[in-house]
Amino acid sequence: RVRDKMASGERDDPHSELDILRSIYLDEVQIDHDANREHPWMLSITLHPSTAHVTESQFVRLTLHLCLTEQYPDAVPTISIRNSRGLSDEQIQRIQKELEEEAEKRRGEQVLYQLIETAALCPVCREPLTYDLGRLSTAADPDRPLEPYIPSE
């Protein structure tokens, strides 16, 4: 129900949308409000691929910052990516561009949930899988024998 409301783009004030995000992301999202700033609402969330909360397996992450003016959602949020790990500059720029295009495309709608979910996609998964079958079939055999997978019990 909460996500349905976010996905529908219902027009409410930012407080309502931010409350919904708090209920979805709980302690993962930080929301700061200061009416004296140019962007009174600042939201930040650190995102990483799902690894069942095993932090040693989280080789890729980024912190997404979304800054909202009083005109939001009619004005798109200012988007920045900080504290990235395991991402190239090119990947960060590509994610930033994708988020900015999504925000612009949905100007006038509540878009914060969609931006967070878009940024949370694994950057490796965003890359198209390309391979040269001819080159793979003529490649030399591995130096070591293949090890069979044996699941732990």
N, C-alpha and C. Protein backbone atom coordinates (compact mmCIF):
# COMPACT_ATOMS: atom_id res chain seq x y z
N ARG A 1 0.82 -1.19 0.00
CA ARG A 1 0.00 0.00 0.00
C ARG A 1 0.86 1.26 0.00
N VAL A 2 1.89 1.27 0.85
CA VAL A 2 2.77 2.44 0.91
C VAL A 2 3.47 2.64 -0.41
N ARG A 3 4.02 1.55 -0.96
CA ARG A 3 4.73 1.67 -2.24
C ARG A 3 3.79 2.01 -3.37
N ASP A 4 2.54 1.52 -3.30
CA ASP A 4 1.55 1.86 -4.32
C ASP A 4 1.31 3.35 -4.36
N LYS A 5 1.23 3.96 -3.18
CA LYS A 5 1.02 5.40 -3.12
C LYS A 5 2.20 6.14 -3.74
N MET A 6 3.42 5.68 -3.45
CA MET A 6 4.61 6.32 -4.01
C MET A 6 4.63 6.13 -5.52
N ALA A 7 4.33 4.93 -5.99
CA ALA A 7 4.38 4.64 -7.42
C ALA A 7 3.31 5.41 -8.19
N SER A 8 2.20 5.69 -7.54
CA SER A 8 1.11 6.37 -8.24
C SER A 8 1.41 7.84 -8.47
N GLY A 9 2.41 8.37 -7.75
CA GLY A 9 2.76 9.78 -7.94
C GLY A 9 1.71 10.72 -7.39
N GLU A 10 0.94 10.30 -6.39
CA GLU A 10 -0.06 11.17 -5.81
C GLU A 10 0.60 12.46 -5.34
N ARG A 11 -0.09 13.58 -5.58
CA ARG A 11 0.48 14.87 -5.20
C ARG A 11 0.10 15.20 -3.78
N ASP A 12 1.08 15.24 -2.94
CA ASP A 12 0.94 15.64 -1.55
C ASP A 12 2.10 16.56 -1.26
N ASP A 13 2.09 17.13 -0.07
CA ASP A 13 3.24 17.94 0.30
C ASP A 13 4.43 17.03 0.56
N PRO A 14 5.65 17.59 0.55
CA PRO A 14 6.83 16.75 0.77
C PRO A 14 6.81 16.02 2.11
N HIS A 15 6.15 16.57 3.13
CA HIS A 15 6.10 15.90 4.43
C HIS A 15 5.49 14.52 4.30
N SER A 16 4.42 14.40 3.57
CA SER A 16 3.75 13.12 3.40
C SER A 16 4.65 12.13 2.68
N GLU A 17 5.28 12.56 1.61
CA GLU A 17 6.18 11.67 0.87
C GLU A 17 7.37 11.26 1.73
N LEU A 18 7.92 12.19 2.46
CA LEU A 18 9.06 11.89 3.32
C LEU A 18 8.67 10.93 4.45
N ASP A 19 7.46 11.08 4.98
CA ASP A 19 6.98 10.14 6.00
C ASP A 19 6.87 8.73 5.44
N ILE A 20 6.40 8.63 4.21
CA ILE A 20 6.29 7.32 3.57
C ILE A 20 7.68 6.71 3.38
N LEU A 21 8.64 7.52 2.95
CA LEU A 21 10.00 7.02 2.78
C LEU A 21 10.59 6.56 4.11
N ARG A 22 10.30 7.29 5.18
CA ARG A 22 10.76 6.87 6.51
C ARG A 22 10.18 5.51 6.88
N SER A 23 8.91 5.28 6.51
CA SER A 23 8.28 4.00 6.86
C SER A 23 8.83 2.86 6.02
N ILE A 24 9.30 3.15 4.82
CA ILE A 24 9.86 2.10 3.96
C ILE A 24 11.30 1.80 4.36
N TYR A 25 12.11 2.84 4.50
CA TYR A 25 13.55 2.67 4.68
C TYR A 25 14.00 2.76 6.14
N LEU A 26 13.09 3.09 7.05
CA LEU A 26 13.37 3.14 8.48
C LEU A 26 14.63 3.94 8.79
N ASP A 27 15.59 3.32 9.45
CA ASP A 27 16.80 4.04 9.88
C ASP A 27 17.81 4.25 8.75
N GLU A 28 17.54 3.67 7.59
CA GLU A 28 18.50 3.81 6.48
C GLU A 28 18.48 5.21 5.87
N VAL A 29 17.37 5.91 6.00
CA VAL A 29 17.23 7.22 5.37
C VAL A 29 17.35 8.31 6.44
N GLN A 30 18.10 9.36 6.10
CA GLN A 30 18.22 10.52 6.97
C GLN A 30 17.56 11.69 6.25
N ILE A 31 16.66 12.35 6.96
CA ILE A 31 15.96 13.50 6.39
C ILE A 31 16.17 14.68 7.32
N ASP A 32 16.67 15.75 6.74
CA ASP A 32 16.98 16.95 7.50
C ASP A 32 16.15 18.09 6.93
N HIS A 33 15.57 18.91 7.80
CA HIS A 33 14.78 20.05 7.35
C HIS A 33 15.29 21.32 8.02
N ASP A 34 15.51 22.34 7.21
CA ASP A 34 15.90 23.65 7.69
C ASP A 34 15.29 24.67 6.75
N ALA A 35 14.26 25.35 7.20
CA ALA A 35 13.52 26.29 6.35
C ALA A 35 14.38 27.46 5.88
N ASN A 36 15.52 27.68 6.49
CA ASN A 36 16.37 28.82 6.12
C ASN A 36 17.30 28.52 4.95
N ARG A 37 17.33 27.27 4.48
CA ARG A 37 18.22 26.91 3.36
C ARG A 37 17.48 27.07 2.03
N GLU A 38 18.26 27.18 0.97
CA GLU A 38 17.69 27.23 -0.38
C GLU A 38 16.95 25.93 -0.67
N HIS A 39 17.50 24.81 -0.23
CA HIS A 39 16.87 23.49 -0.36
C HIS A 39 16.50 23.05 1.06
N PRO A 40 15.29 23.38 1.52
CA PRO A 40 14.94 23.12 2.92
C PRO A 40 14.98 21.65 3.33
N TRP A 41 14.65 20.74 2.43
CA TRP A 41 14.66 19.33 2.77
C TRP A 41 15.86 18.65 2.12
N MET A 42 16.61 17.93 2.93
CA MET A 42 17.75 17.16 2.42
C MET A 42 17.57 15.72 2.87
N LEU A 43 17.60 14.82 1.92
CA LEU A 43 17.44 13.40 2.18
C LEU A 43 18.71 12.70 1.77
N SER A 44 19.21 11.79 2.58
CA SER A 44 20.37 10.99 2.18
C SER A 44 20.13 9.55 2.61
N ILE A 45 20.62 8.65 1.77
CA ILE A 45 20.49 7.23 2.03
C ILE A 45 21.67 6.53 1.39
N THR A 46 22.29 5.61 2.13
CA THR A 46 23.39 4.82 1.59
C THR A 46 22.80 3.55 1.01
N LEU A 47 23.14 3.30 -0.25
CA LEU A 47 22.57 2.18 -0.99
C LEU A 47 23.66 1.19 -1.38
N HIS A 48 23.31 -0.07 -1.38
CA HIS A 48 24.22 -1.12 -1.79
C HIS A 48 23.39 -2.30 -2.27
N PRO A 49 23.97 -3.17 -3.10
CA PRO A 49 23.22 -4.34 -3.55
C PRO A 49 22.85 -5.20 -2.34
N SER A 50 21.75 -5.87 -2.45
CA SER A 50 21.29 -6.73 -1.36
C SER A 50 22.22 -7.90 -1.19
N THR A 51 22.79 -8.02 0.00
CA THR A 51 23.70 -9.14 0.31
C THR A 51 23.31 -9.73 1.66
N ALA A 52 22.02 -9.73 1.94
CA ALA A 52 21.51 -10.25 3.21
C ALA A 52 22.21 -9.58 4.39
N HIS A 53 22.52 -8.31 4.25
CA HIS A 53 23.14 -7.50 5.29
C HIS A 53 24.51 -8.01 5.73
N VAL A 54 25.19 -8.74 4.86
CA VAL A 54 26.56 -9.18 5.13
C VAL A 54 27.47 -8.07 4.59
N THR A 55 27.91 -7.19 5.46
CA THR A 55 28.65 -6.01 5.01
C THR A 55 29.97 -6.36 4.34
N GLU A 56 30.57 -7.50 4.68
CA GLU A 56 31.83 -7.89 4.04
C GLU A 56 31.62 -8.21 2.56
N SER A 57 30.38 -8.48 2.15
CA SER A 57 30.09 -8.80 0.76
C SER A 57 29.58 -7.59 -0.02
N GLN A 58 29.52 -6.45 0.61
CA GLN A 58 29.01 -5.26 -0.05
C GLN A 58 30.17 -4.47 -0.64
N PHE A 59 30.56 -4.87 -1.83
CA PHE A 59 31.72 -4.26 -2.48
C PHE A 59 31.38 -2.99 -3.23
N VAL A 60 30.11 -2.74 -3.43
CA VAL A 60 29.65 -1.57 -4.17
C VAL A 60 28.65 -0.83 -3.29
N ARG A 61 28.81 0.48 -3.20
CA ARG A 61 27.82 1.27 -2.47
C ARG A 61 27.95 2.73 -2.88
N LEU A 62 26.92 3.48 -2.57
CA LEU A 62 26.93 4.92 -2.79
C LEU A 62 25.95 5.55 -1.82
N THR A 63 26.18 6.83 -1.55
CA THR A 63 25.23 7.59 -0.75
C THR A 63 24.55 8.57 -1.68
N LEU A 64 23.24 8.45 -1.75
CA LEU A 64 22.43 9.31 -2.60
C LEU A 64 21.90 10.46 -1.77
N HIS A 65 22.13 11.69 -2.26
CA HIS A 65 21.62 12.90 -1.61
C HIS A 65 20.60 13.54 -2.54
N LEU A 66 19.42 13.81 -2.00
CA LEU A 66 18.36 14.47 -2.75
C LEU A 66 17.98 15.73 -1.97
N CYS A 67 18.08 16.88 -2.62
CA CYS A 67 17.75 18.15 -1.98
C CYS A 67 16.52 18.74 -2.66
N LEU A 68 15.54 19.13 -1.84
CA LEU A 68 14.26 19.61 -2.35
C LEU A 68 14.06 21.08 -2.02
N THR A 69 13.54 21.82 -2.99
CA THR A 69 13.16 23.21 -2.74
C THR A 69 11.69 23.24 -2.32
N GLU A 70 11.22 24.41 -1.95
CA GLU A 70 9.81 24.59 -1.59
C GLU A 70 8.89 24.27 -2.77
N GLN A 71 9.41 24.34 -3.98
CA GLN A 71 8.59 24.11 -5.18
C GLN A 71 8.43 22.64 -5.54
N TYR A 72 9.12 21.74 -4.84
CA TYR A 72 9.01 20.31 -5.13
C TYR A 72 7.56 19.87 -4.90
N PRO A 73 6.97 19.10 -5.78
CA PRO A 73 7.53 18.31 -6.87
C PRO A 73 7.55 19.01 -8.22
N ASP A 74 7.09 20.28 -8.27
CA ASP A 74 7.13 20.98 -9.55
C ASP A 74 8.56 21.32 -9.97
N ALA A 75 9.46 21.41 -9.01
CA ALA A 75 10.89 21.58 -9.28
C ALA A 75 11.56 20.25 -8.96
N VAL A 76 12.43 19.81 -9.85
CA VAL A 76 13.10 18.52 -9.63
C VAL A 76 14.11 18.64 -8.49
N PRO A 77 14.33 17.54 -7.77
CA PRO A 77 15.32 17.58 -6.69
C PRO A 77 16.73 17.74 -7.26
N THR A 78 17.60 18.34 -6.47
CA THR A 78 19.02 18.36 -6.81
C THR A 78 19.58 17.02 -6.35
N ILE A 79 20.27 16.35 -7.25
CA ILE A 79 20.73 14.98 -7.00
C ILE A 79 22.25 14.97 -6.96
N SER A 80 22.80 14.33 -5.92
CA SER A 80 24.25 14.14 -5.89
C SER A 80 24.55 12.76 -5.33
N ILE A 81 25.67 12.23 -5.78
CA ILE A 81 26.14 10.92 -5.33
C ILE A 81 27.46 11.14 -4.62
N ARG A 82 27.56 10.62 -3.41
CA ARG A 82 28.77 10.80 -2.61
C ARG A 82 29.18 9.46 -2.00
N ASN A 83 30.38 9.43 -1.48
CA ASN A 83 30.89 8.27 -0.74
C ASN A 83 30.73 6.96 -1.49
N SER A 84 31.01 6.98 -2.77
CA SER A 84 30.87 5.75 -3.55
C SER A 84 32.04 4.82 -3.28
N ARG A 85 31.78 3.55 -3.41
CA ARG A 85 32.82 2.53 -3.26
C ARG A 85 32.59 1.47 -4.32
N GLY A 86 33.63 1.10 -5.03
CA GLY A 86 33.53 0.05 -6.03
C GLY A 86 32.93 0.50 -7.35
N LEU A 87 32.81 1.80 -7.55
CA LEU A 87 32.24 2.34 -8.78
C LEU A 87 33.25 3.23 -9.48
N SER A 88 33.32 3.12 -10.80
CA SER A 88 34.20 4.00 -11.56
C SER A 88 33.53 5.36 -11.70
N ASP A 89 34.32 6.37 -12.06
CA ASP A 89 33.77 7.70 -12.30
C ASP A 89 32.72 7.64 -13.40
N GLU A 90 32.97 6.82 -14.41
CA GLU A 90 32.03 6.68 -15.52
C GLU A 90 30.69 6.11 -15.03
N GLN A 91 30.74 5.11 -14.17
CA GLN A 91 29.52 4.51 -13.64
C GLN A 91 28.75 5.52 -12.78
N ILE A 92 29.46 6.29 -11.98
CA ILE A 92 28.82 7.30 -11.14
C ILE A 92 28.13 8.33 -12.02
N GLN A 93 28.83 8.79 -13.05
CA GLN A 93 28.24 9.78 -13.96
C GLN A 93 27.02 9.21 -14.67
N ARG A 94 27.07 7.95 -15.05
CA ARG A 94 25.95 7.31 -15.74
C ARG A 94 24.74 7.21 -14.80
N ILE A 95 24.97 6.82 -13.55
CA ILE A 95 23.88 6.72 -12.58
C ILE A 95 23.29 8.11 -12.32
N GLN A 96 24.17 9.11 -12.14
CA GLN A 96 23.72 10.49 -11.91
C GLN A 96 22.84 10.96 -13.07
N LYS A 97 23.29 10.72 -14.29
CA LYS A 97 22.54 11.16 -15.47
C LYS A 97 21.19 10.45 -15.54
N GLU A 98 21.18 9.16 -15.27
CA GLU A 98 19.93 8.39 -15.29
C GLU A 98 18.94 8.93 -14.27
N LEU A 99 19.43 9.25 -13.08
CA LEU A 99 18.56 9.78 -12.04
C LEU A 99 18.02 11.17 -12.41
N GLU A 100 18.88 12.01 -12.96
CA GLU A 100 18.44 13.35 -13.37
C GLU A 100 17.40 13.27 -14.49
N GLU A 101 17.59 12.35 -15.43
CA GLU A 101 16.62 12.19 -16.51
C GLU A 101 15.28 11.68 -15.96
N GLU A 102 15.33 10.74 -15.02
CA GLU A 102 14.11 10.22 -14.41
C GLU A 102 13.37 11.32 -13.65
N ALA A 103 14.10 12.14 -12.90
CA ALA A 103 13.49 13.24 -12.16
C ALA A 103 12.84 14.23 -13.10
N GLU A 104 13.52 14.56 -14.18
CA GLU A 104 12.97 15.52 -15.14
C GLU A 104 11.74 14.95 -15.84
N LYS A 105 11.81 13.68 -16.19
CA LYS A 105 10.68 13.02 -16.87
C LYS A 105 9.43 13.02 -15.98
N ARG A 106 9.63 12.94 -14.68
CA ARG A 106 8.50 12.85 -13.74
C ARG A 106 8.29 14.15 -12.97
N ARG A 107 8.74 15.25 -13.54
CA ARG A 107 8.55 16.57 -12.91
C ARG A 107 7.06 16.75 -12.62
N GLY A 108 6.76 17.25 -11.42
CA GLY A 108 5.37 17.46 -11.03
C GLY A 108 4.79 16.27 -10.27
N GLU A 109 5.54 15.17 -10.20
CA GLU A 109 5.10 13.98 -9.48
C GLU A 109 6.06 13.73 -8.33
N GLN A 110 5.59 12.95 -7.36
CA GLN A 110 6.48 12.51 -6.30
C GLN A 110 7.42 11.47 -6.91
N VAL A 111 8.70 11.72 -6.82
CA VAL A 111 9.67 10.89 -7.53
C VAL A 111 10.77 10.33 -6.62
N LEU A 112 10.79 10.70 -5.37
CA LEU A 112 11.90 10.32 -4.49
C LEU A 112 12.06 8.81 -4.37
N TYR A 113 10.97 8.09 -4.16
CA TYR A 113 11.03 6.63 -4.04
C TYR A 113 11.62 6.02 -5.31
N GLN A 114 11.15 6.49 -6.46
CA GLN A 114 11.64 5.96 -7.74
C GLN A 114 13.13 6.24 -7.91
N LEU A 115 13.59 7.40 -7.50
CA LEU A 115 15.01 7.73 -7.61
C LEU A 115 15.85 6.82 -6.71
N ILE A 116 15.38 6.59 -5.50
CA ILE A 116 16.12 5.72 -4.58
C ILE A 116 16.19 4.31 -5.14
N GLU A 117 15.07 3.80 -5.62
CA GLU A 117 15.05 2.44 -6.15
C GLU A 117 15.90 2.31 -7.41
N THR A 118 15.91 3.33 -8.25
CA THR A 118 16.73 3.32 -9.45
C THR A 118 18.21 3.32 -9.08
N ALA A 119 18.58 4.14 -8.12
CA ALA A 119 19.99 4.21 -7.69
C ALA A 119 20.42 2.93 -7.00
N ALA A 120 19.49 2.19 -6.41
CA ALA A 120 19.82 0.98 -5.66
C ALA A 120 20.13 -0.21 -6.55
N LEU A 121 19.81 -0.11 -7.84
CA LEU A 121 20.13 -1.22 -8.74
C LEU A 121 21.63 -1.44 -8.77
N CYS A 122 22.03 -2.66 -8.78
CA CYS A 122 23.46 -2.98 -8.82
C CYS A 122 24.07 -2.42 -10.10
N PRO A 123 25.15 -1.63 -10.00
CA PRO A 123 25.76 -1.07 -11.20
C PRO A 123 26.30 -2.15 -12.13
N VAL A 124 26.70 -3.28 -11.58
CA VAL A 124 27.19 -4.36 -12.43
C VAL A 124 26.04 -4.90 -13.28
N CYS A 125 24.85 -4.99 -12.67
CA CYS A 125 23.68 -5.50 -13.39
C CYS A 125 23.24 -4.55 -14.50
N ARG A 126 23.60 -3.29 -14.40
CA ARG A 126 23.23 -2.30 -15.42
C ARG A 126 24.01 -2.52 -16.72
N GLU A 127 25.15 -3.17 -16.61
CA GLU A 127 26.01 -3.37 -17.77
C GLU A 127 25.46 -4.50 -18.64
N PRO A 128 25.37 -4.28 -19.94
CA PRO A 128 24.94 -5.38 -20.80
C PRO A 128 26.01 -6.46 -20.84
N LEU A 129 25.57 -7.69 -20.81
CA LEU A 129 26.51 -8.81 -20.89
C LEU A 129 26.93 -8.97 -22.35
N THR A 130 28.21 -8.81 -22.59
CA THR A 130 28.72 -8.97 -23.95
C THR A 130 29.84 -9.99 -23.92
N TYR A 131 29.90 -10.79 -24.95
CA TYR A 131 30.96 -11.78 -25.04
C TYR A 131 31.16 -12.14 -26.50
N ASP A 132 32.34 -12.64 -26.79
CA ASP A 132 32.70 -13.07 -28.12
C ASP A 132 32.80 -14.59 -28.08
N LEU A 133 31.76 -15.26 -28.57
CA LEU A 133 31.69 -16.72 -28.48
C LEU A 133 32.87 -17.37 -29.20
N GLY A 134 33.27 -16.83 -30.32
CA GLY A 134 34.41 -17.39 -31.06
C GLY A 134 35.68 -17.32 -30.24
N ARG A 135 35.90 -16.19 -29.61
CA ARG A 135 37.10 -16.01 -28.79
C ARG A 135 37.07 -16.92 -27.56
N LEU A 136 35.89 -17.06 -26.94
CA LEU A 136 35.77 -17.93 -25.78
C LEU A 136 36.02 -19.39 -26.14
N SER A 137 35.52 -19.82 -27.30
CA SER A 137 35.67 -21.24 -27.67
C SER A 137 37.11 -21.58 -28.07
N THR A 138 37.90 -20.58 -28.46
CA THR A 138 39.28 -20.85 -28.85
C THR A 138 40.28 -20.50 -27.74
N ALA A 139 39.76 -20.08 -26.59
CA ALA A 139 40.64 -19.70 -25.48
C ALA A 139 41.34 -20.94 -24.92
N ALA A 140 42.52 -20.72 -24.37
CA ALA A 140 43.28 -21.82 -23.77
C ALA A 140 42.54 -22.36 -22.56
N ASP A 141 42.80 -23.62 -22.25
CA ASP A 141 42.21 -24.25 -21.08
C ASP A 141 42.71 -23.54 -19.82
N PRO A 142 41.94 -23.58 -18.75
CA PRO A 142 42.39 -22.95 -17.51
C PRO A 142 43.67 -23.59 -16.99
N ASP A 143 44.46 -22.81 -16.26
CA ASP A 143 45.71 -23.31 -15.68
C ASP A 143 45.46 -24.36 -14.60
N ARG A 144 44.35 -24.20 -13.88
CA ARG A 144 44.01 -25.14 -12.81
C ARG A 144 42.73 -25.88 -13.18
N PRO A 145 42.59 -27.10 -12.67
CA PRO A 145 41.35 -27.83 -12.97
C PRO A 145 40.16 -27.12 -12.32
N LEU A 146 39.01 -27.26 -12.95
CA LEU A 146 37.80 -26.67 -12.39
C LEU A 146 37.43 -27.39 -11.11
N GLU A 147 37.00 -26.63 -10.13
CA GLU A 147 36.60 -27.21 -8.87
C GLU A 147 35.08 -27.34 -8.84
N PRO A 148 34.58 -28.53 -8.51
CA PRO A 148 33.13 -28.68 -8.46
C PRO A 148 32.54 -27.92 -7.28
N TYR A 149 31.33 -27.44 -7.47
CA TYR A 149 30.63 -26.73 -6.38
C TYR A 149 30.01 -27.76 -5.45
N ILE A 150 30.33 -27.65 -4.18
CA ILE A 150 29.76 -28.54 -3.17
C ILE A 150 29.12 -27.65 -2.13
N PRO A 151 27.79 -27.66 -2.07
CA PRO A 151 27.13 -26.78 -1.09
C PRO A 151 27.45 -27.20 0.32
N SER A 152 27.58 -26.21 1.19
CA SER A 152 27.86 -26.52 2.60
C SER A 152 26.55 -26.96 3.26
N GLU A 153 26.69 -27.82 4.21
CA GLU A 153 25.49 -28.35 4.87
C GLU A 153 25.25 -27.67 6.18
